[in-house]
Amino acid sequence: MSAVPKLPDVTTIGTLLSGILGRKVVVAKSPPLDMGPRVQKVFGVYREASTGRVCVCVVDLVFAANAAGAMLVFPPFAVANAIRAGKLDEDLMETIREILNICSRCFHEEARVVLAEVCSDLNSLPVEAAQVLKTPLLRSDVSANITGYAEGRLTLLLGKPVQG
């Protein structure tokens, strides 16, 4: 763990996503993603076994569908259909779960977390994860433009250390 907590920069996030998806992903800082129910999202909830610390990676539906579609080499029109439908089918949901699992690396400088669960309903988030959404120790909001697909949004939220 570093002396001054930090999350990865846009270059590191872009390199990670490009490696996962096998295509160039251009990542840039973006305004904060709306955490309310207005924007459809997928939440990756991570836990550190030794301390109980919780971290969250939130992706909007556009990123989730396009990243999963790119990994599966789905045509962009099939991904657009999922976005219009407002939800991911089973294949896309399973694939975004795998992507979120690898994204645990975004937190490894601060916490050795593992993906504990993935959900697409704000109301089904564990209490600890919902608290991290409200008061994270650190937050990083980025846009991710996946070559051949649409640009979506991703937010990393580092939870506060659990007091023991």
Protein backbone atom coordinates (compact mmCIF):
# COMPACT_ATOMS: atom_id res chain seq x y z
CA MET A 1 0.00 0.00 0.00
CA SER A 2 1.38 3.41 -0.91
CA ALA A 3 1.92 6.22 1.62
CA VAL A 4 -0.47 8.48 -0.30
CA PRO A 5 -3.47 6.50 -1.59
CA LYS A 6 -3.97 6.57 -5.34
CA LEU A 7 -5.82 4.96 -8.19
CA PRO A 8 -4.31 4.18 -11.60
CA ASP A 9 -3.99 6.99 -14.14
CA VAL A 10 -5.79 7.01 -17.51
CA THR A 11 -2.79 5.51 -19.32
CA THR A 12 -2.67 2.53 -16.95
CA ILE A 13 -6.43 1.98 -17.19
CA GLY A 14 -6.24 2.23 -21.00
CA THR A 15 -3.39 -0.29 -21.15
CA LEU A 16 -5.29 -2.72 -18.92
CA LEU A 17 -8.52 -2.43 -20.95
CA SER A 18 -6.65 -2.69 -24.26
CA GLY A 19 -5.00 -5.89 -23.04
CA ILE A 20 -8.28 -7.37 -21.87
CA LEU A 21 -10.19 -6.51 -25.04
CA GLY A 22 -7.42 -7.10 -27.57
CA ARG A 23 -8.01 -3.72 -29.21
CA LYS A 24 -7.04 -0.12 -28.56
CA VAL A 25 -9.00 1.63 -25.82
CA VAL A 26 -8.51 5.37 -25.41
CA VAL A 27 -9.19 6.46 -21.84
CA ALA A 28 -9.64 10.06 -20.68
CA LYS A 29 -10.76 11.74 -17.48
CA SER A 30 -14.48 12.51 -17.49
CA PRO A 31 -17.07 14.22 -15.33
CA PRO A 32 -18.45 12.10 -12.47
CA LEU A 33 -20.78 9.29 -13.49
CA ASP A 34 -24.26 9.69 -11.99
CA MET A 35 -24.55 7.00 -9.30
CA GLY A 36 -28.33 7.34 -9.03
CA PRO A 37 -30.90 5.12 -10.74
CA ARG A 38 -31.22 7.45 -13.74
CA VAL A 39 -28.21 5.91 -15.51
CA GLN A 40 -28.17 2.13 -15.99
CA LYS A 41 -24.98 0.63 -14.62
CA VAL A 42 -23.17 -2.57 -13.70
CA PHE A 43 -21.36 -2.67 -10.36
CA GLY A 44 -18.31 -4.78 -9.60
CA VAL A 45 -17.95 -5.13 -5.83
CA TYR A 46 -14.52 -6.12 -4.52
CA ARG A 47 -13.44 -7.18 -1.04
CA GLU A 48 -10.09 -7.50 0.62
CA ALA A 49 -10.20 -10.74 2.62
CA SER A 50 -7.72 -9.74 5.31
CA THR A 51 -9.30 -6.37 6.16
CA GLY A 52 -12.85 -6.40 4.79
CA ARG A 53 -12.15 -3.23 2.77
CA VAL A 54 -14.66 -2.77 -0.06
CA CYS A 55 -13.95 -1.18 -3.44
CA VAL A 56 -16.32 -0.71 -6.37
CA CYS A 57 -15.91 -0.41 -10.13
CA VAL A 58 -19.00 1.06 -11.77
CA VAL A 59 -19.54 0.94 -15.53
CA ASP A 60 -22.41 2.45 -17.42
CA LEU A 61 -24.54 0.21 -19.63
CA VAL A 62 -22.86 1.59 -22.75
CA PHE A 63 -19.39 0.62 -21.54
CA ALA A 64 -20.59 -2.75 -20.22
CA ALA A 65 -22.27 -3.72 -23.49
CA ASN A 66 -19.49 -2.43 -25.74
CA ALA A 67 -16.61 -3.89 -23.70
CA ALA A 68 -18.31 -7.29 -23.45
CA GLY A 69 -19.30 -7.13 -27.13
CA ALA A 70 -15.73 -6.27 -28.15
CA MET A 71 -14.34 -9.16 -26.11
CA LEU A 72 -16.85 -11.54 -27.71
CA VAL A 73 -16.31 -9.93 -31.14
CA PHE A 74 -20.03 -9.19 -31.45
CA PRO A 75 -20.96 -6.80 -34.26
CA PRO A 76 -21.61 -3.25 -32.99
CA PHE A 77 -25.28 -3.42 -34.09
CA ALA A 78 -25.83 -6.39 -31.73
CA VAL A 79 -24.31 -4.38 -28.89
CA ALA A 80 -26.53 -1.40 -29.80
CA ASN A 81 -29.58 -3.68 -29.54
CA ALA A 82 -28.64 -4.59 -25.97
CA ILE A 83 -28.24 -0.92 -25.07
CA ARG A 84 -31.63 -0.08 -26.61
CA ALA A 85 -33.18 -2.98 -24.65
CA GLY A 86 -31.70 -1.46 -21.49
CA LYS A 87 -30.06 -4.64 -20.24
CA LEU A 88 -27.34 -7.14 -20.97
CA ASP A 89 -28.18 -10.63 -22.14
CA GLU A 90 -26.61 -13.62 -20.37
CA ASP A 91 -23.51 -13.73 -22.62
CA LEU A 92 -22.78 -10.02 -22.27
CA MET A 93 -23.36 -10.10 -18.49
CA GLU A 94 -21.04 -13.07 -18.02
CA THR A 95 -18.37 -11.37 -20.11
CA ILE A 96 -18.57 -8.04 -18.27
CA ARG A 97 -18.21 -10.08 -15.07
CA GLU A 98 -14.91 -11.45 -16.43
CA ILE A 99 -13.77 -7.96 -17.42
CA LEU A 100 -14.64 -6.61 -13.97
CA ASN A 101 -12.76 -9.53 -12.40
CA ILE A 102 -9.58 -8.51 -14.23
CA CYS A 103 -10.23 -4.85 -13.33
CA SER A 104 -9.53 -5.78 -9.70
CA ARG A 105 -5.94 -4.95 -10.67
CA CYS A 106 -6.93 -1.27 -10.64
CA PHE A 107 -7.05 -1.46 -6.84
CA HIS A 108 -4.02 -3.67 -6.17
CA GLU A 109 -1.66 -0.83 -5.33
CA GLU A 110 -3.93 0.01 -2.38
CA ALA A 111 -5.71 -3.23 -1.54
CA ARG A 112 -5.48 -6.88 -2.59
CA VAL A 113 -9.14 -7.18 -3.48
CA VAL A 114 -11.02 -9.90 -5.31
CA LEU A 115 -14.29 -9.59 -7.15
CA ALA A 116 -17.02 -10.60 -4.71
CA GLU A 117 -20.11 -9.89 -6.80
CA VAL A 118 -21.51 -8.17 -9.84
CA CYS A 119 -24.94 -6.60 -9.95
CA SER A 120 -26.88 -4.29 -12.21
CA ASP A 121 -29.42 -3.05 -9.68
CA LEU A 122 -28.44 -0.21 -7.37
CA ASN A 123 -30.90 -1.49 -4.76
CA SER A 124 -29.22 -4.91 -4.63
CA LEU A 125 -25.78 -3.53 -3.75
CA PRO A 126 -24.41 -4.69 -0.39
CA VAL A 127 -24.66 -1.97 2.28
CA GLU A 128 -20.87 -1.57 2.42
CA ALA A 129 -20.67 -1.04 -1.36
CA ALA A 130 -23.51 1.49 -1.29
CA GLN A 131 -21.57 3.38 1.38
CA VAL A 132 -18.45 3.41 -0.82
CA LEU A 133 -20.57 4.98 -3.60
CA LYS A 134 -21.51 7.79 -1.21
CA THR A 135 -18.19 8.39 0.56
CA PRO A 136 -15.20 6.79 -1.19
CA LEU A 137 -11.66 7.44 -0.04
CA LEU A 138 -10.74 8.01 -3.71
CA ARG A 139 -12.72 8.24 -6.92
CA SER A 140 -11.64 8.20 -10.56
CA ASP A 141 -14.10 8.81 -13.40
CA VAL A 142 -13.04 8.06 -16.97
CA SER A 143 -14.46 7.64 -20.43
CA ALA A 144 -13.26 4.66 -22.45
CA ASN A 145 -13.47 4.69 -26.23
CA ILE A 146 -13.12 1.13 -27.54
CA THR A 147 -11.89 0.96 -31.16
CA GLY A 148 -14.76 -0.21 -33.37
CA TYR A 149 -17.33 0.28 -30.60
CA ALA A 150 -18.89 3.16 -28.68
CA GLU A 151 -17.48 5.21 -25.83
CA GLY A 152 -18.70 4.42 -22.33
CA ARG A 153 -17.92 5.42 -18.77
CA LEU A 154 -16.14 3.72 -15.89
CA THR A 155 -15.69 4.82 -12.28
CA LEU A 156 -13.25 3.39 -9.74
CA LEU A 157 -14.13 3.88 -6.07
CA LEU A 158 -11.57 3.01 -3.41
CA GLY A 159 -13.20 2.24 -0.09
CA LYS A 160 -11.86 3.51 3.19
CA PRO A 161 -9.79 1.11 5.27
CA VAL A 162 -11.93 -0.86 7.71
CA GLN A 163 -11.22 0.16 11.27
CA GLY A 164 -10.24 -2.87 13.32
